[in-house]
Amino acid sequence: MFQFGRNKNKTAPTFYNGYCYSQVGVSDNNIYLECHEKSRQRCSARGVKNSESPVVSLTKDHNHGQNYDTEVIYNFKYQLYHSVTSSTRDLRLIYNEISIRHSRASALVPYISITRTMQGWRRSNCPPVPTTMEEYVRLLNSPRWRSCFISNSSNISAVNINGTDGSVVTIFIDATLLQNFIRVNLYVDATYKVCPRKPYKKIYQFFTIMASFDDAVLPVAWSFMSRNKVYPQVAPHLQVLSVTTDFELGLRTLLPSHQIIPAFKWLLTVYSAFQPAFHQFLQYFQSYWLETVKPENFSVFGCLEKTNNYVESNNRRLNVEFGIHPCIWDFTKKLMELYERSKIELESMMMGLPIRRQSRLNYLIKEAVLIRAWDLYNNNVLDFKHFLECTNKFLTIFENDQGLLSVDEVDTFINFKIQMYIAINEKLYIAIDEIENNVPEHIIFIHDN
């Protein structure tokens, strides 16, 4: 009934007294109209209206009855057309959302009756869904579609890198933007929730790389991965100071890598009484983390940024803004918006303007306490046993009720008594001094829940 985007004179129809009219001419303040049903019902009705008045004066009558639903159907279809052509969201989701605001019209125009029309609107304003990542990159970089997603002022490029094993990684990167980063700490993580479902089984994870700039961190590169693996460096000029990955917080260690295995063996001895309760976990930790991942890959000794909070926070924003498994073109549009925000924030920082809130006082205190503990350890004032006892008091992973509140309290662990535990039975344990092991310190009794 209504050909949105194809009306040669691009004028909206006129509705009056249950009839719909199309404009055919203008003279002075008069607008000349003909019945919108001229072709379908061969209605030859004509009329004229003043540009400042809604009243239509007929010069020839209609050959059909009034239909007041025509206007509500037009308004409903217009909203559908606008949403379909201005976004790449799923057509059914668009229909469902708009139909709530147009209950009468959506009852008269069910989704099944307008699906093909909406698909036609989409084809004229959005590329087809690709079947491969090669087709996706080709469409995105084509002159026909690139301007729909990437602004003329952007230097971001999308390229595919093919692995020898048949895997494909699609990288989004702006080489010009990266030239502003030299000595950086990198934060990397991957998520599956925001990955488009199509191309089917072609996208394994969405990978984000964030880089430090002054006291903030920005996303600087992204990629689709067809398999869970690492690919060659794409910015060789970067001087990477550290790389923080997505290992679980509880499995990071503050000790240097060469001390992790000796410390693990010592803990097995000191806490041998508790081994039966943690047997499976200890086997997993030793076989996977110590022997497969290896300590040098999860030690954060000397690194103030010990967690991947930056990327994890970014992933939460991705889930909110991108949604779960969006259409690949809707995803692309959101990603380009994210990239543009990174450019804006980098420009702000280069002008000396802060883009993040300052760290809270309790975080700064914990940081100072940790630095003091590392200093004492490096100077051989604290051995790894006393260092572990100290860090046990302020690491949030252990959920201690009382942490270290000042740097001075770290020094109290220099002569701290190290305890080991003896099991009397499965509910009763005695803690004794590691050196004077004939002197009981305290008793632990485990109550039934």
Protein backbone atom coordinates (compact mmCIF):
# COMPACT_ATOMS: atom_id res chain seq x y z
CA MET A 1 0.00 0.00 0.00
CA PHE A 2 2.76 2.46 0.96
CA GLN A 3 6.07 2.42 -0.94
CA PHE A 4 8.46 3.98 1.56
CA GLY A 5 11.64 5.32 0.06
CA ARG A 6 10.23 5.04 -3.48
CA ASN A 7 7.76 7.94 -3.62
CA LYS A 8 9.16 10.09 -6.40
CA ASN A 9 8.00 13.39 -4.88
CA LYS A 10 8.94 12.25 -1.35
CA THR A 11 5.84 13.73 0.25
CA ALA A 12 3.90 12.10 3.05
CA PRO A 13 0.30 11.11 2.30
CA THR A 14 -2.57 13.26 3.51
CA PHE A 15 -5.30 11.72 5.68
CA TYR A 16 -8.71 13.28 6.04
CA ASN A 17 -12.13 11.97 7.01
CA GLY A 18 -11.19 8.30 6.60
CA TYR A 19 -9.51 8.69 3.19
CA CYS A 20 -5.86 8.74 2.14
CA TYR A 21 -4.54 11.10 -0.56
CA SER A 22 -1.31 11.47 -2.52
CA GLN A 23 -0.02 14.87 -3.57
CA VAL A 24 0.03 15.53 -7.30
CA GLY A 25 0.76 19.25 -7.46
CA VAL A 26 1.16 22.58 -5.67
CA SER A 27 0.02 26.03 -6.75
CA ASP A 28 0.37 29.06 -4.49
CA ASN A 29 -1.06 27.87 -1.14
CA ASN A 30 -3.11 25.08 -2.67
CA ILE A 31 -2.09 21.42 -2.61
CA TYR A 32 -3.72 19.19 -5.21
CA LEU A 33 -4.46 15.61 -4.22
CA GLU A 34 -5.69 12.35 -5.69
CA CYS A 35 -6.98 9.23 -3.94
CA HIS A 36 -4.27 6.87 -2.75
CA GLU A 37 -6.47 3.98 -3.96
CA LYS A 38 -6.35 5.21 -7.56
CA SER A 39 -4.50 2.13 -8.79
CA ARG A 40 -5.86 -0.56 -6.49
CA GLN A 41 -9.54 0.41 -6.62
CA ARG A 42 -9.48 2.62 -9.69
CA CYS A 43 -10.76 5.50 -7.64
CA SER A 44 -10.65 8.77 -9.57
CA ALA A 45 -11.37 11.02 -6.58
CA ARG A 46 -9.50 14.30 -6.52
CA GLY A 47 -9.35 17.18 -4.11
CA VAL A 48 -7.58 20.32 -3.03
CA LYS A 49 -6.52 21.67 0.35
CA ASN A 50 -4.95 24.82 1.65
CA SER A 51 -1.41 24.33 2.99
CA GLU A 52 -2.50 25.79 6.33
CA SER A 53 -5.68 23.75 6.71
CA PRO A 54 -6.29 19.99 7.14
CA VAL A 55 -9.62 20.14 5.26
CA VAL A 56 -9.74 18.48 1.84
CA SER A 57 -12.35 19.79 -0.60
CA LEU A 58 -13.29 17.12 -3.16
CA THR A 59 -13.63 17.97 -6.81
CA LYS A 60 -14.57 14.36 -7.59
CA ASP A 61 -16.02 11.77 -5.18
CA HIS A 62 -14.58 8.40 -4.10
CA ASN A 63 -15.94 5.09 -5.38
CA HIS A 64 -15.24 3.29 -2.07
CA GLY A 65 -15.99 3.67 1.60
CA GLN A 66 -14.00 5.32 4.37
CA ASN A 67 -11.25 3.43 6.23
CA TYR A 68 -9.91 5.13 9.35
CA ASP A 69 -7.40 2.29 9.88
CA THR A 70 -5.39 3.42 6.86
CA GLU A 71 -3.68 6.20 8.82
CA VAL A 72 -2.74 4.00 11.79
CA ILE A 73 -1.34 1.37 9.39
CA TYR A 74 0.71 4.05 7.63
CA ASN A 75 2.17 5.34 10.91
CA PHE A 76 3.01 1.79 11.98
CA LYS A 77 4.71 0.92 8.69
CA TYR A 78 6.59 4.20 8.66
CA GLN A 79 8.08 3.42 12.08
CA LEU A 80 9.00 -0.08 10.91
CA TYR A 81 10.65 1.29 7.77
CA HIS A 82 12.64 3.87 9.71
CA SER A 83 13.91 1.28 12.23
CA VAL A 84 14.72 -1.37 9.62
CA THR A 85 16.70 1.01 7.42
CA SER A 86 18.53 2.80 10.25
CA SER A 87 19.78 -0.27 12.11
CA THR A 88 20.83 -3.87 11.52
CA ARG A 89 18.84 -5.37 14.36
CA ASP A 90 16.83 -8.54 13.92
CA LEU A 91 13.62 -7.84 11.98
CA ARG A 92 11.39 -9.76 14.36
CA LEU A 93 12.79 -7.85 17.36
CA ILE A 94 12.11 -4.56 15.59
CA TYR A 95 8.53 -5.59 14.80
CA ASN A 96 7.89 -6.79 18.36
CA GLU A 97 9.18 -3.56 19.88
CA ILE A 98 7.22 -1.21 17.63
CA SER A 99 4.03 -3.28 17.62
CA ILE A 100 3.56 -2.58 21.34
CA ARG A 101 3.16 1.13 20.56
CA HIS A 102 0.82 0.43 17.62
CA SER A 103 -1.52 -2.25 18.94
CA ARG A 104 -4.37 -1.64 16.48
CA ALA A 105 -2.13 -1.47 13.41
CA SER A 106 -0.05 -4.52 14.40
CA ALA A 107 -3.27 -6.51 14.81
CA LEU A 108 -4.19 -5.55 11.23
CA VAL A 109 -0.64 -6.13 9.93
CA PRO A 110 0.80 -9.29 11.57
CA TYR A 111 4.50 -10.00 11.25
CA ILE A 112 4.05 -12.79 8.71
CA SER A 113 2.26 -10.43 6.32
CA ILE A 114 5.02 -7.81 6.30
CA THR A 115 8.14 -9.95 6.64
CA ARG A 116 9.05 -9.87 2.95
CA THR A 117 8.48 -6.12 2.79
CA MET A 118 10.81 -5.57 5.75
CA GLN A 119 13.40 -7.87 4.17
CA GLY A 120 13.24 -5.74 1.02
CA TRP A 121 13.81 -2.58 3.06
CA ARG A 122 16.77 -4.23 4.76
CA ARG A 123 18.39 -5.42 1.51
CA SER A 124 18.44 -1.90 0.16
CA ASN A 125 20.19 -0.52 3.26
CA CYS A 126 22.28 -3.37 4.70
CA PRO A 127 24.64 -5.99 3.25
CA PRO A 128 23.57 -9.63 3.20
CA VAL A 129 24.60 -11.84 6.11
CA PRO A 130 27.94 -13.39 5.08
CA THR A 131 28.53 -17.14 5.09
CA THR A 132 32.29 -16.86 5.68
CA MET A 133 34.62 -14.40 7.39
CA GLU A 134 36.31 -13.77 4.04
CA GLU A 135 32.97 -12.63 2.62
CA TYR A 136 32.36 -10.50 5.72
CA VAL A 137 35.65 -8.59 5.32
CA ARG A 138 35.09 -8.21 1.58
CA LEU A 139 31.62 -6.72 2.11
CA LEU A 140 32.77 -4.45 4.95
CA ASN A 141 35.64 -3.04 2.88
CA SER A 142 33.62 -2.68 -0.34
CA PRO A 143 32.83 0.88 -1.57
CA ARG A 144 29.11 -0.01 -1.49
CA TRP A 145 28.96 -0.78 2.25
CA ARG A 146 32.05 0.64 3.99
CA SER A 147 30.54 4.11 4.43
CA CYS A 148 27.51 2.55 6.17
CA PHE A 149 29.70 1.44 9.08
CA ILE A 150 33.00 3.35 8.96
CA SER A 151 33.25 7.14 8.88
CA ASN A 152 35.42 8.89 6.32
CA SER A 153 37.68 10.22 9.12
CA SER A 154 38.43 6.71 10.42
CA ASN A 155 41.58 4.77 9.61
CA ILE A 156 40.44 1.46 11.04
CA SER A 157 40.85 -1.55 8.80
CA ALA A 158 39.47 -5.07 8.89
CA VAL A 159 41.74 -7.84 7.63
CA ASN A 160 41.83 -11.62 7.78
CA ILE A 161 44.87 -13.62 8.81
CA ASN A 162 44.79 -17.28 7.83
CA GLY A 163 46.52 -19.88 10.00
CA THR A 164 48.32 -22.92 8.65
CA ASP A 165 45.74 -25.11 10.39
CA GLY A 166 42.84 -23.58 8.46
CA SER A 167 41.83 -21.17 11.22
CA VAL A 168 40.97 -17.53 10.51
CA VAL A 169 41.34 -14.44 12.67
CA THR A 170 39.63 -11.20 11.63
CA ILE A 171 41.46 -8.18 13.03
CA PHE A 172 40.10 -4.66 13.47
CA ILE A 173 42.95 -2.21 13.95
CA ASP A 174 43.85 1.43 13.35
CA ALA A 175 47.60 1.66 12.72
CA THR A 176 47.50 5.46 13.00
CA LEU A 177 45.84 5.29 16.42
CA LEU A 178 48.41 2.76 17.65
CA GLN A 179 51.29 5.09 16.76
CA ASN A 180 50.35 7.10 19.87
CA PHE A 181 51.21 4.10 22.07
CA ILE A 182 54.87 3.16 22.62
CA ARG A 183 55.66 1.69 26.03
CA VAL A 184 52.50 -0.08 27.13
CA ASN A 185 50.97 -2.59 29.47
CA LEU A 186 48.55 -4.77 27.53
CA TYR A 187 45.35 -6.31 28.85
CA VAL A 188 43.77 -9.07 26.80
CA ASP A 189 40.64 -11.13 27.16
CA ALA A 190 38.04 -12.88 25.05
CA THR A 191 34.30 -13.28 25.31
CA TYR A 192 31.76 -15.45 23.52
CA LYS A 193 28.44 -13.88 24.49
CA VAL A 194 28.62 -10.96 22.06
CA CYS A 195 29.79 -13.07 19.10
CA PRO A 196 27.33 -13.10 16.18
CA ARG A 197 25.79 -16.52 15.49
CA LYS A 198 26.34 -16.08 11.76
CA PRO A 199 28.51 -16.86 9.86
CA TYR A 200 27.50 -20.16 11.46
CA LYS A 201 30.31 -21.84 13.44
CA LYS A 202 32.88 -19.38 12.05
CA ILE A 203 33.39 -17.25 15.18
CA TYR A 204 34.77 -18.87 18.33
CA GLN A 205 35.45 -15.77 20.44
CA PHE A 206 35.67 -12.00 20.29
CA PHE A 207 39.10 -10.86 21.44
CA THR A 208 39.85 -7.43 22.94
CA ILE A 209 43.29 -5.85 23.39
CA MET A 210 43.57 -2.84 25.66
CA ALA A 211 46.68 -0.70 26.11
CA SER A 212 47.79 1.66 28.86
CA PHE A 213 48.15 5.38 28.20
CA ASP A 214 49.26 7.52 31.15
CA ASP A 215 47.00 6.40 34.03
CA ALA A 216 44.18 4.99 31.89
CA VAL A 217 43.59 2.00 29.64
CA LEU A 218 41.87 2.04 26.24
CA PRO A 219 40.73 -0.68 23.82
CA VAL A 220 42.96 -0.42 20.75
CA ALA A 221 42.39 -3.60 18.74
CA TRP A 222 39.75 -6.28 18.37
CA SER A 223 39.41 -9.56 16.55
CA PHE A 224 37.12 -12.46 15.78
CA MET A 225 38.82 -15.80 16.36
CA SER A 226 37.72 -19.03 14.71
CA ARG A 227 39.74 -21.01 17.27
CA ASN A 228 41.14 -20.42 20.73
CA LYS A 229 44.73 -19.57 19.90
CA VAL A 230 47.20 -16.67 19.71
CA TYR A 231 48.20 -15.04 16.43
CA PRO A 232 51.23 -13.01 15.33
CA GLN A 233 51.88 -9.53 16.65
CA VAL A 234 50.21 -6.84 14.54
CA ALA A 235 51.92 -3.75 16.05
CA PRO A 236 55.68 -4.55 16.19
CA HIS A 237 56.61 -0.99 17.24
CA LEU A 238 55.02 -1.44 20.68
CA GLN A 239 57.34 -1.91 23.64
CA VAL A 240 55.24 -4.24 25.75
CA LEU A 241 56.05 -3.94 29.47
CA SER A 242 53.54 -6.59 30.58
CA VAL A 243 50.60 -8.62 29.33
CA THR A 244 47.72 -9.34 31.68
CA THR A 245 45.55 -12.24 30.61
CA ASP A 246 42.28 -13.68 31.84
CA PHE A 247 43.56 -16.15 34.46
CA GLU A 248 41.34 -16.36 37.50
CA LEU A 249 42.27 -13.93 40.27
CA GLY A 250 42.66 -16.71 42.82
CA LEU A 251 45.23 -18.48 40.65
CA ARG A 252 47.55 -15.51 40.31
CA THR A 253 50.51 -15.44 42.65
CA LEU A 254 52.48 -12.52 44.03
CA LEU A 255 55.69 -14.57 44.30
CA PRO A 256 58.35 -14.64 41.57
CA SER A 257 57.95 -17.60 39.24
CA HIS A 258 61.03 -19.51 40.51
CA GLN A 259 59.64 -19.52 44.07
CA ILE A 260 56.12 -20.73 43.25
CA ILE A 261 56.87 -24.47 43.19
CA PRO A 262 58.99 -24.41 46.41
CA ALA A 263 56.23 -22.40 48.10
CA PHE A 264 53.61 -24.88 46.90
CA LYS A 265 55.57 -27.81 48.33
CA TRP A 266 56.05 -25.98 51.61
CA LEU A 267 52.30 -25.27 51.85
CA LEU A 268 51.61 -28.97 51.28
CA THR A 269 53.83 -29.74 54.26
CA VAL A 270 52.55 -27.05 56.61
CA TYR A 271 48.90 -27.70 55.78
CA SER A 272 49.24 -31.45 55.25
CA ALA A 273 46.42 -32.02 57.71
CA PHE A 274 43.98 -30.41 55.27
CA GLN A 275 45.19 -32.23 52.12
CA PRO A 276 42.44 -34.90 52.05
CA ALA A 277 39.75 -32.22 51.82
CA PHE A 278 41.51 -30.50 48.86
CA HIS A 279 43.02 -33.54 47.16
CA GLN A 280 41.29 -33.10 43.79
CA PHE A 281 42.00 -29.37 43.61
CA LEU A 282 45.67 -29.87 44.50
CA GLN A 283 46.03 -32.48 41.76
CA TYR A 284 44.40 -30.12 39.25
CA PHE A 285 46.59 -27.18 40.31
CA GLN A 286 49.79 -29.18 40.05
CA SER A 287 49.04 -30.92 36.73
CA TYR A 288 47.54 -27.92 34.93
CA TRP A 289 48.90 -24.71 36.42
CA LEU A 290 52.36 -25.85 37.52
CA GLU A 291 53.12 -28.35 34.77
CA THR A 292 51.08 -27.12 31.78
CA VAL A 293 50.63 -23.35 32.12
CA LYS A 294 53.87 -23.03 34.16
CA PRO A 295 54.55 -20.45 36.92
CA GLU A 296 56.22 -17.88 34.68
CA ASN A 297 52.91 -17.42 32.88
CA PHE A 298 50.75 -16.62 35.92
CA SER A 299 53.16 -14.96 38.32
CA VAL A 300 52.36 -11.26 38.83
CA PHE A 301 55.40 -10.52 41.00
CA GLY A 302 56.27 -6.83 40.66
CA CYS A 303 53.13 -6.04 38.64
CA LEU A 304 50.86 -3.48 40.23
CA GLU A 305 48.11 -4.29 37.74
CA LYS A 306 47.54 -7.87 38.85
CA THR A 307 44.03 -8.40 37.52
CA ASN A 308 42.24 -7.93 34.25
CA ASN A 309 39.57 -5.61 35.64
CA TYR A 310 39.95 -3.21 32.72
CA VAL A 311 39.03 -5.77 30.10
CA GLU A 312 36.43 -7.48 32.28
CA SER A 313 34.75 -4.11 32.80
CA ASN A 314 34.91 -3.57 29.04
CA ASN A 315 33.31 -6.98 28.48
CA ARG A 316 30.44 -6.06 30.76
CA ARG A 317 29.86 -2.95 28.65
CA LEU A 318 29.99 -5.08 25.50
CA ASN A 319 27.30 -7.38 26.86
CA VAL A 320 25.05 -4.43 27.68
CA GLU A 321 25.60 -2.43 24.48
CA PHE A 322 25.98 -5.25 21.94
CA GLY A 323 23.51 -7.72 23.41
CA ILE A 324 23.76 -11.50 23.28
CA HIS A 325 24.74 -12.89 19.87
CA PRO A 326 23.62 -9.91 17.74
CA CYS A 327 23.42 -9.79 13.95
CA ILE A 328 26.95 -9.42 12.58
CA TRP A 329 26.17 -6.06 10.96
CA ASP A 330 24.59 -4.71 14.13
CA PHE A 331 27.71 -5.92 15.94
CA THR A 332 29.92 -4.13 13.39
CA LYS A 333 28.06 -0.86 13.87
CA LYS A 334 28.43 -1.08 17.66
CA LEU A 335 32.12 -1.94 17.33
CA MET A 336 32.76 1.10 15.16
CA GLU A 337 31.03 3.27 17.80
CA LEU A 338 33.30 1.75 20.45
CA TYR A 339 36.34 2.48 18.28
CA GLU A 340 35.24 6.09 17.80
CA ARG A 341 34.89 6.49 21.59
CA SER A 342 38.46 5.22 22.04
CA LYS A 343 39.69 7.87 19.60
CA ILE A 344 37.83 10.61 21.47
CA GLU A 345 39.13 9.48 24.87
CA LEU A 346 42.70 9.28 23.55
CA GLU A 347 42.40 12.82 22.23
CA SER A 348 41.20 13.99 25.67
CA MET A 349 44.16 12.32 27.41
CA MET A 350 46.63 13.82 24.92
CA MET A 351 45.29 17.23 25.99
CA GLY A 352 45.92 16.31 29.64
CA LEU A 353 42.27 15.78 30.54
CA PRO A 354 41.32 12.87 32.84
CA ILE A 355 38.83 10.32 31.50
CA ARG A 356 38.61 8.03 34.55
CA ARG A 357 37.91 8.56 38.24
CA GLN A 358 40.88 8.56 40.60
CA SER A 359 41.59 5.35 42.52
CA ARG A 360 39.91 5.01 45.88
CA LEU A 361 41.89 5.46 49.08
CA ASN A 362 41.58 1.82 50.20
CA TYR A 363 42.99 0.66 46.85
CA LEU A 364 45.96 3.03 47.18
CA ILE A 365 46.64 1.72 50.71
CA LYS A 366 46.60 -1.90 49.50
CA GLU A 367 48.95 -0.96 46.68
CA ALA A 368 51.39 0.70 49.10
CA VAL A 369 51.23 -2.33 51.45
CA LEU A 370 52.01 -4.70 48.58
CA ILE A 371 54.92 -2.58 47.37
CA ARG A 372 56.38 -2.62 50.90
CA ALA A 373 56.00 -6.41 51.10
CA TRP A 374 57.75 -6.82 47.74
CA ASP A 375 60.58 -4.52 48.87
CA LEU A 376 61.16 -6.58 52.03
CA TYR A 377 61.09 -9.77 49.99
CA ASN A 378 63.56 -8.45 47.39
CA ASN A 379 65.92 -7.38 50.19
CA ASN A 380 65.71 -10.85 51.81
CA VAL A 381 64.08 -9.42 54.92
CA LEU A 382 60.99 -11.58 54.31
CA ASP A 383 61.40 -15.14 53.06
CA PHE A 384 58.60 -16.62 50.99
CA LYS A 385 57.00 -18.16 54.10
CA HIS A 386 56.63 -14.83 55.89
CA PHE A 387 55.73 -13.10 52.62
CA LEU A 388 52.80 -15.51 52.15
CA GLU A 389 51.64 -14.96 55.72
CA CYS A 390 51.75 -11.22 55.11
CA THR A 391 49.86 -11.24 51.80
CA ASN A 392 47.24 -13.55 53.32
CA LYS A 393 46.17 -10.62 55.48
CA PHE A 394 45.30 -8.18 52.69
CA LEU A 395 44.35 -10.21 49.61
CA THR A 396 40.60 -9.89 49.07
CA ILE A 397 40.47 -13.39 47.59
CA PHE A 398 40.85 -14.79 51.13
CA GLU A 399 37.99 -12.60 52.44
CA ASN A 400 39.80 -11.71 55.64
CA ASP A 401 37.82 -9.69 58.15
CA GLN A 402 40.88 -7.66 59.12
CA GLY A 403 43.43 -6.59 56.54
CA LEU A 404 46.64 -4.61 56.82
CA LEU A 405 45.68 -0.97 57.24
CA SER A 406 49.13 0.61 56.86
CA VAL A 407 52.59 0.06 55.43
CA ASP A 408 54.09 -0.12 58.94
CA GLU A 409 52.07 -3.24 59.73
CA VAL A 410 53.98 -5.14 57.02
CA ASP A 411 57.14 -5.00 59.15
CA THR A 412 55.43 -6.96 61.94
CA PHE A 413 55.69 -10.09 59.77
CA ILE A 414 59.49 -10.08 59.83
CA ASN A 415 59.45 -12.10 63.08
CA PHE A 416 56.00 -13.61 62.63
CA LYS A 417 55.61 -17.18 63.93
CA ILE A 418 54.91 -19.67 61.15
CA GLN A 419 52.42 -22.36 62.11
CA MET A 420 51.80 -25.87 60.86
CA TYR A 421 48.75 -28.04 61.55
CA ILE A 422 48.24 -31.55 62.88
CA ALA A 423 44.96 -33.40 62.40
CA ILE A 424 43.61 -35.09 65.50
CA ASN A 425 40.53 -36.21 63.58
CA GLU A 426 38.48 -34.90 60.66
CA LYS A 427 37.04 -32.09 62.80
CA LEU A 428 39.85 -31.26 65.23
CA TYR A 429 43.21 -29.69 64.31
CA ILE A 430 46.08 -28.35 66.43
CA ALA A 431 48.28 -25.47 65.22
CA ILE A 432 51.90 -25.62 66.41
CA ASP A 433 54.96 -23.42 65.91
CA GLU A 434 56.94 -24.60 62.87
CA ILE A 435 60.27 -24.29 64.72
CA GLU A 436 59.24 -25.21 68.25
CA ASN A 437 56.85 -27.90 67.06
CA ASN A 438 56.18 -29.19 70.57
CA VAL A 439 54.39 -25.98 71.57
CA PRO A 440 50.67 -25.87 70.67
CA GLU A 441 49.50 -22.44 69.52
CA HIS A 442 45.76 -22.94 69.19
CA ILE A 443 43.08 -25.47 68.35
CA ILE A 444 40.74 -25.48 65.34
CA PHE A 445 37.42 -27.26 65.65
CA ILE A 446 35.21 -27.57 62.56
CA HIS A 447 31.48 -27.51 63.36
CA ASP A 448 28.84 -29.23 61.25
CA ASN A 449 26.68 -26.78 59.28
